[in-house]
Amino acid sequence: MTGISELIFEIGLVHYLIVSGSVFGLGTAIALGKRSAIAVLMGIELMLNGSILALLAFSRFPQNTSSEAGLVDGHVFVVFILSVAAAEAAVALALSVLVYRKRETVDLDRINLMRW
């Protein structure tokens, strides 16, 4: 009979990168496959979250452990990505609301901004 301690395994960098790649791939599929502007924005946010997870994983499992300064670099990039994602979401949602008011749709195939 095996003990519980033998069944528990350590989660490493590869596991984080698999989840990160899966989230990024799901976001890409959503951003490219949906016709609604809101769904495309949600796909882009998922792509940004996948890249954030990869950066945090690389900062958590550094290759060069002689320096502590390398551990902070991933976190700094995450703060920048989160601030850009928040600004992108605010601007994109504001543009979506304006387009909806003018065209009464958020379907990207039906929006023709060249003809007012």
N, C-alpha and C. Protein backbone atom coordinates (compact mmCIF):
# COMPACT_ATOMS: atom_id res chain seq x y z
N MET A 1 0.84 -1.18 0.00
CA MET A 1 0.00 0.00 0.00
C MET A 1 0.89 1.24 0.00
N THR A 2 0.58 2.16 -0.88
CA THR A 2 1.39 3.38 -0.97
C THR A 2 0.80 4.45 -0.08
N GLY A 3 1.68 5.26 0.45
CA GLY A 3 1.25 6.36 1.31
C GLY A 3 0.84 7.57 0.50
N ILE A 4 0.16 8.48 1.17
CA ILE A 4 -0.29 9.70 0.49
C ILE A 4 0.90 10.55 0.09
N SER A 5 1.97 10.53 0.86
CA SER A 5 3.12 11.37 0.55
C SER A 5 3.78 10.95 -0.76
N GLU A 6 3.61 9.70 -1.17
CA GLU A 6 4.19 9.26 -2.42
C GLU A 6 3.35 9.70 -3.62
N LEU A 7 2.08 10.01 -3.43
CA LEU A 7 1.21 10.41 -4.51
C LEU A 7 1.27 11.92 -4.81
N ILE A 8 1.76 12.69 -3.85
CA ILE A 8 1.84 14.14 -4.03
C ILE A 8 3.11 14.46 -4.80
N PHE A 9 2.97 15.25 -5.85
CA PHE A 9 4.14 15.65 -6.61
C PHE A 9 4.27 17.17 -6.56
N GLU A 10 5.45 17.62 -6.82
CA GLU A 10 5.72 19.04 -6.77
C GLU A 10 5.34 19.70 -8.10
N ILE A 11 4.69 20.83 -8.00
CA ILE A 11 4.31 21.57 -9.20
C ILE A 11 5.50 22.42 -9.60
N GLY A 12 5.96 22.23 -10.81
CA GLY A 12 7.14 22.93 -11.29
C GLY A 12 6.83 23.95 -12.37
N LEU A 13 7.89 24.42 -12.99
CA LEU A 13 7.77 25.44 -14.02
C LEU A 13 6.98 24.94 -15.23
N VAL A 14 7.17 23.69 -15.58
CA VAL A 14 6.48 23.13 -16.75
C VAL A 14 4.97 23.15 -16.56
N HIS A 15 4.51 22.87 -15.37
CA HIS A 15 3.07 22.86 -15.11
C HIS A 15 2.47 24.26 -15.27
N TYR A 16 3.19 25.26 -14.73
CA TYR A 16 2.72 26.64 -14.90
C TYR A 16 2.70 27.04 -16.36
N LEU A 17 3.71 26.64 -17.11
CA LEU A 17 3.77 27.01 -18.52
C LEU A 17 2.70 26.31 -19.33
N ILE A 18 2.32 25.10 -18.96
CA ILE A 18 1.23 24.41 -19.64
C ILE A 18 -0.09 25.15 -19.41
N VAL A 19 -0.35 25.54 -18.18
CA VAL A 19 -1.57 26.29 -17.88
C VAL A 19 -1.54 27.65 -18.58
N SER A 20 -0.39 28.31 -18.54
CA SER A 20 -0.25 29.61 -19.20
C SER A 20 -0.48 29.50 -20.70
N GLY A 21 0.10 28.51 -21.33
CA GLY A 21 -0.11 28.32 -22.76
C GLY A 21 -1.54 27.96 -23.09
N SER A 22 -2.18 27.20 -22.22
CA SER A 22 -3.59 26.84 -22.44
C SER A 22 -4.49 28.07 -22.35
N VAL A 23 -4.26 28.92 -21.36
CA VAL A 23 -5.05 30.14 -21.21
C VAL A 23 -4.81 31.08 -22.40
N PHE A 24 -3.55 31.20 -22.81
CA PHE A 24 -3.23 32.06 -23.95
C PHE A 24 -3.87 31.50 -25.24
N GLY A 25 -3.80 30.19 -25.43
CA GLY A 25 -4.42 29.58 -26.61
C GLY A 25 -5.92 29.73 -26.62
N LEU A 26 -6.55 29.58 -25.46
CA LEU A 26 -8.00 29.77 -25.36
C LEU A 26 -8.37 31.21 -25.69
N GLY A 27 -7.59 32.16 -25.19
CA GLY A 27 -7.83 33.56 -25.49
C GLY A 27 -7.66 33.86 -26.96
N THR A 28 -6.66 33.25 -27.59
CA THR A 28 -6.46 33.44 -29.03
C THR A 28 -7.64 32.88 -29.82
N ALA A 29 -8.10 31.70 -29.45
CA ALA A 29 -9.23 31.09 -30.14
C ALA A 29 -10.49 31.95 -29.99
N ILE A 30 -10.70 32.50 -28.82
CA ILE A 30 -11.88 33.34 -28.59
C ILE A 30 -11.76 34.64 -29.37
N ALA A 31 -10.57 35.27 -29.33
CA ALA A 31 -10.39 36.56 -30.01
C ALA A 31 -10.53 36.42 -31.52
N LEU A 32 -10.08 35.31 -32.08
CA LEU A 32 -10.16 35.13 -33.52
C LEU A 32 -11.48 34.52 -33.99
N GLY A 33 -12.18 33.85 -33.11
CA GLY A 33 -13.37 33.12 -33.53
C GLY A 33 -14.68 33.79 -33.27
N LYS A 34 -14.72 34.79 -32.42
CA LYS A 34 -15.99 35.43 -32.08
C LYS A 34 -16.23 36.65 -32.94
N ARG A 35 -17.50 36.99 -33.11
CA ARG A 35 -17.87 38.16 -33.90
C ARG A 35 -18.26 39.34 -33.02
N SER A 36 -18.55 39.11 -31.78
CA SER A 36 -18.93 40.19 -30.88
C SER A 36 -17.68 40.91 -30.37
N ALA A 37 -17.75 42.22 -30.33
CA ALA A 37 -16.60 43.01 -29.87
C ALA A 37 -16.28 42.72 -28.40
N ILE A 38 -17.30 42.47 -27.60
CA ILE A 38 -17.08 42.19 -26.19
C ILE A 38 -16.36 40.85 -26.02
N ALA A 39 -16.73 39.85 -26.80
CA ALA A 39 -16.07 38.55 -26.73
C ALA A 39 -14.62 38.65 -27.19
N VAL A 40 -14.36 39.46 -28.20
CA VAL A 40 -12.98 39.66 -28.66
C VAL A 40 -12.15 40.31 -27.57
N LEU A 41 -12.73 41.28 -26.87
CA LEU A 41 -12.02 41.93 -25.76
C LEU A 41 -11.75 40.94 -24.63
N MET A 42 -12.70 40.06 -24.36
CA MET A 42 -12.48 39.04 -23.33
C MET A 42 -11.37 38.09 -23.75
N GLY A 43 -11.29 37.75 -25.03
CA GLY A 43 -10.21 36.90 -25.52
C GLY A 43 -8.85 37.56 -25.38
N ILE A 44 -8.80 38.85 -25.65
CA ILE A 44 -7.54 39.59 -25.50
C ILE A 44 -7.13 39.63 -24.04
N GLU A 45 -8.08 39.81 -23.15
CA GLU A 45 -7.76 39.80 -21.72
C GLU A 45 -7.24 38.43 -21.27
N LEU A 46 -7.81 37.36 -21.80
CA LEU A 46 -7.30 36.02 -21.48
C LEU A 46 -5.87 35.84 -21.98
N MET A 47 -5.58 36.38 -23.16
CA MET A 47 -4.22 36.31 -23.67
C MET A 47 -3.24 37.06 -22.77
N LEU A 48 -3.65 38.22 -22.29
CA LEU A 48 -2.80 38.98 -21.38
C LEU A 48 -2.61 38.23 -20.06
N ASN A 49 -3.65 37.58 -19.57
CA ASN A 49 -3.53 36.82 -18.32
C ASN A 49 -2.62 35.60 -18.49
N GLY A 50 -2.64 34.98 -19.67
CA GLY A 50 -1.71 33.88 -19.92
C GLY A 50 -0.27 34.33 -19.91
N SER A 51 -0.01 35.50 -20.51
CA SER A 51 1.36 36.00 -20.48
C SER A 51 1.78 36.43 -19.08
N ILE A 52 0.85 36.95 -18.29
CA ILE A 52 1.15 37.31 -16.90
C ILE A 52 1.53 36.07 -16.10
N LEU A 53 0.79 35.00 -16.29
CA LEU A 53 1.08 33.76 -15.58
C LEU A 53 2.46 33.22 -15.94
N ALA A 54 2.83 33.31 -17.22
CA ALA A 54 4.16 32.86 -17.64
C ALA A 54 5.25 33.72 -17.01
N LEU A 55 5.05 35.02 -16.98
CA LEU A 55 6.06 35.90 -16.37
C LEU A 55 6.21 35.61 -14.88
N LEU A 56 5.11 35.39 -14.19
CA LEU A 56 5.19 35.07 -12.77
C LEU A 56 5.85 33.73 -12.53
N ALA A 57 5.61 32.78 -13.41
CA ALA A 57 6.24 31.46 -13.27
C ALA A 57 7.75 31.57 -13.48
N PHE A 58 8.16 32.35 -14.47
CA PHE A 58 9.59 32.52 -14.69
C PHE A 58 10.26 33.27 -13.55
N SER A 59 9.55 34.20 -12.92
CA SER A 59 10.15 34.88 -11.78
C SER A 59 10.13 34.01 -10.53
N ARG A 60 9.20 33.05 -10.46
CA ARG A 60 9.14 32.14 -9.31
C ARG A 60 10.21 31.06 -9.38
N PHE A 61 10.53 30.61 -10.59
CA PHE A 61 11.54 29.58 -10.79
C PHE A 61 12.70 30.14 -11.60
N PRO A 62 13.56 30.95 -10.98
CA PRO A 62 14.65 31.55 -11.76
C PRO A 62 15.72 30.52 -12.09
N GLN A 63 16.37 30.71 -13.24
CA GLN A 63 17.45 29.82 -13.63
C GLN A 63 18.74 30.20 -12.91
N ASN A 64 18.96 31.49 -12.70
CA ASN A 64 20.15 31.97 -12.01
C ASN A 64 19.75 32.35 -10.59
N THR A 65 20.06 31.52 -9.62
CA THR A 65 19.62 31.76 -8.24
C THR A 65 20.65 32.52 -7.42
N SER A 66 21.74 32.99 -8.04
CA SER A 66 22.76 33.70 -7.28
C SER A 66 22.34 35.13 -6.98
N SER A 67 21.40 35.68 -7.73
CA SER A 67 20.98 37.06 -7.54
C SER A 67 19.50 37.11 -7.16
N GLU A 68 19.18 37.93 -6.17
CA GLU A 68 17.79 38.11 -5.75
C GLU A 68 17.09 39.15 -6.61
N ALA A 69 17.85 39.95 -7.35
CA ALA A 69 17.24 41.00 -8.17
C ALA A 69 16.42 40.41 -9.31
N GLY A 70 16.77 39.23 -9.79
CA GLY A 70 16.03 38.61 -10.88
C GLY A 70 14.63 38.18 -10.48
N LEU A 71 14.37 38.00 -9.19
CA LEU A 71 13.05 37.57 -8.73
C LEU A 71 12.01 38.67 -8.85
N VAL A 72 12.44 39.93 -8.86
CA VAL A 72 11.51 41.05 -8.88
C VAL A 72 11.13 41.43 -10.31
N ASP A 73 11.97 41.09 -11.28
CA ASP A 73 11.74 41.54 -12.66
C ASP A 73 10.39 41.07 -13.21
N GLY A 74 10.03 39.83 -12.97
CA GLY A 74 8.75 39.32 -13.46
C GLY A 74 7.57 40.05 -12.85
N HIS A 75 7.68 40.40 -11.58
CA HIS A 75 6.59 41.10 -10.90
C HIS A 75 6.44 42.53 -11.43
N VAL A 76 7.55 43.16 -11.78
CA VAL A 76 7.48 44.51 -12.35
C VAL A 76 6.79 44.46 -13.71
N PHE A 77 7.12 43.47 -14.53
CA PHE A 77 6.46 43.33 -15.82
C PHE A 77 4.97 43.06 -15.65
N VAL A 78 4.61 42.30 -14.63
CA VAL A 78 3.19 42.01 -14.38
C VAL A 78 2.43 43.28 -14.05
N VAL A 79 3.02 44.15 -13.25
CA VAL A 79 2.36 45.41 -12.92
C VAL A 79 2.16 46.25 -14.17
N PHE A 80 3.16 46.29 -15.04
CA PHE A 80 3.01 47.04 -16.29
C PHE A 80 1.92 46.43 -17.17
N ILE A 81 1.90 45.13 -17.29
CA ILE A 81 0.89 44.48 -18.13
C ILE A 81 -0.51 44.69 -17.57
N LEU A 82 -0.66 44.61 -16.25
CA LEU A 82 -1.98 44.84 -15.65
C LEU A 82 -2.46 46.27 -15.87
N SER A 83 -1.55 47.24 -15.77
CA SER A 83 -1.96 48.63 -15.99
C SER A 83 -2.32 48.87 -17.45
N VAL A 84 -1.57 48.29 -18.38
CA VAL A 84 -1.91 48.42 -19.80
C VAL A 84 -3.23 47.70 -20.09
N ALA A 85 -3.45 46.55 -19.49
CA ALA A 85 -4.70 45.81 -19.72
C ALA A 85 -5.90 46.59 -19.18
N ALA A 86 -5.74 47.24 -18.04
CA ALA A 86 -6.85 48.03 -17.50
C ALA A 86 -7.15 49.23 -18.39
N ALA A 87 -6.11 49.90 -18.87
CA ALA A 87 -6.33 51.03 -19.77
C ALA A 87 -6.94 50.57 -21.09
N GLU A 88 -6.46 49.45 -21.61
CA GLU A 88 -6.99 48.90 -22.87
C GLU A 88 -8.46 48.53 -22.72
N ALA A 89 -8.81 47.94 -21.60
CA ALA A 89 -10.21 47.54 -21.39
C ALA A 89 -11.11 48.77 -21.28
N ALA A 90 -10.64 49.80 -20.59
CA ALA A 90 -11.46 51.00 -20.43
C ALA A 90 -11.69 51.70 -21.77
N VAL A 91 -10.61 51.85 -22.55
CA VAL A 91 -10.74 52.53 -23.85
C VAL A 91 -11.57 51.69 -24.82
N ALA A 92 -11.34 50.39 -24.85
CA ALA A 92 -12.07 49.53 -25.79
C ALA A 92 -13.55 49.46 -25.44
N LEU A 93 -13.87 49.39 -24.17
CA LEU A 93 -15.29 49.37 -23.79
C LEU A 93 -15.97 50.71 -24.09
N ALA A 94 -15.25 51.80 -23.90
CA ALA A 94 -15.81 53.11 -24.24
C ALA A 94 -16.07 53.21 -25.74
N LEU A 95 -15.13 52.72 -26.54
CA LEU A 95 -15.33 52.72 -27.99
C LEU A 95 -16.48 51.81 -28.39
N SER A 96 -16.61 50.68 -27.72
CA SER A 96 -17.71 49.76 -28.02
C SER A 96 -19.06 50.39 -27.71
N VAL A 97 -19.14 51.13 -26.62
CA VAL A 97 -20.39 51.80 -26.27
C VAL A 97 -20.72 52.87 -27.30
N LEU A 98 -19.71 53.63 -27.75
CA LEU A 98 -19.96 54.65 -28.77
C LEU A 98 -20.40 54.04 -30.09
N VAL A 99 -19.77 52.94 -30.50
CA VAL A 99 -20.16 52.27 -31.73
C VAL A 99 -21.57 51.70 -31.60
N TYR A 100 -21.90 51.16 -30.42
CA TYR A 100 -23.25 50.62 -30.22
C TYR A 100 -24.30 51.73 -30.31
N ARG A 101 -23.98 52.89 -29.74
CA ARG A 101 -24.94 53.99 -29.83
C ARG A 101 -25.17 54.43 -31.27
N LYS A 102 -24.11 54.41 -32.07
CA LYS A 102 -24.23 54.87 -33.46
C LYS A 102 -24.82 53.80 -34.37
N ARG A 103 -24.36 52.56 -34.23
CA ARG A 103 -24.75 51.48 -35.14
C ARG A 103 -25.77 50.51 -34.56
N GLU A 104 -25.98 50.55 -33.26
CA GLU A 104 -26.91 49.67 -32.55
C GLU A 104 -26.54 48.19 -32.69
N THR A 105 -25.25 47.90 -32.80
CA THR A 105 -24.76 46.53 -32.83
C THR A 105 -23.30 46.52 -32.40
N VAL A 106 -22.88 45.39 -31.83
CA VAL A 106 -21.46 45.19 -31.53
C VAL A 106 -20.90 44.03 -32.34
N ASP A 107 -21.67 43.58 -33.34
CA ASP A 107 -21.22 42.53 -34.24
C ASP A 107 -20.16 43.10 -35.17
N LEU A 108 -18.96 42.55 -35.12
CA LEU A 108 -17.84 43.11 -35.86
C LEU A 108 -18.02 42.97 -37.37
N ASP A 109 -18.80 42.00 -37.82
CA ASP A 109 -19.03 41.85 -39.25
C ASP A 109 -20.01 42.88 -39.80
N ARG A 110 -20.89 43.37 -38.97
CA ARG A 110 -21.93 44.30 -39.41
C ARG A 110 -21.53 45.77 -39.23
N ILE A 111 -20.42 46.01 -38.53
CA ILE A 111 -19.98 47.38 -38.30
C ILE A 111 -19.13 47.83 -39.48
N ASN A 112 -19.56 48.93 -40.11
CA ASN A 112 -18.82 49.53 -41.20
C ASN A 112 -18.60 50.99 -40.84
N LEU A 113 -17.46 51.30 -40.28
CA LEU A 113 -17.21 52.65 -39.79
C LEU A 113 -16.85 53.62 -40.91
N MET A 114 -16.57 53.13 -42.11
CA MET A 114 -16.21 54.03 -43.18
C MET A 114 -17.44 54.73 -43.76
N ARG A 115 -18.62 54.18 -43.53
CA ARG A 115 -19.85 54.74 -44.07
C ARG A 115 -20.71 55.20 -42.89
N TRP A 116 -20.79 56.46 -42.64
CA TRP A 116 -21.59 56.99 -41.55
C TRP A 116 -22.92 57.41 -42.11
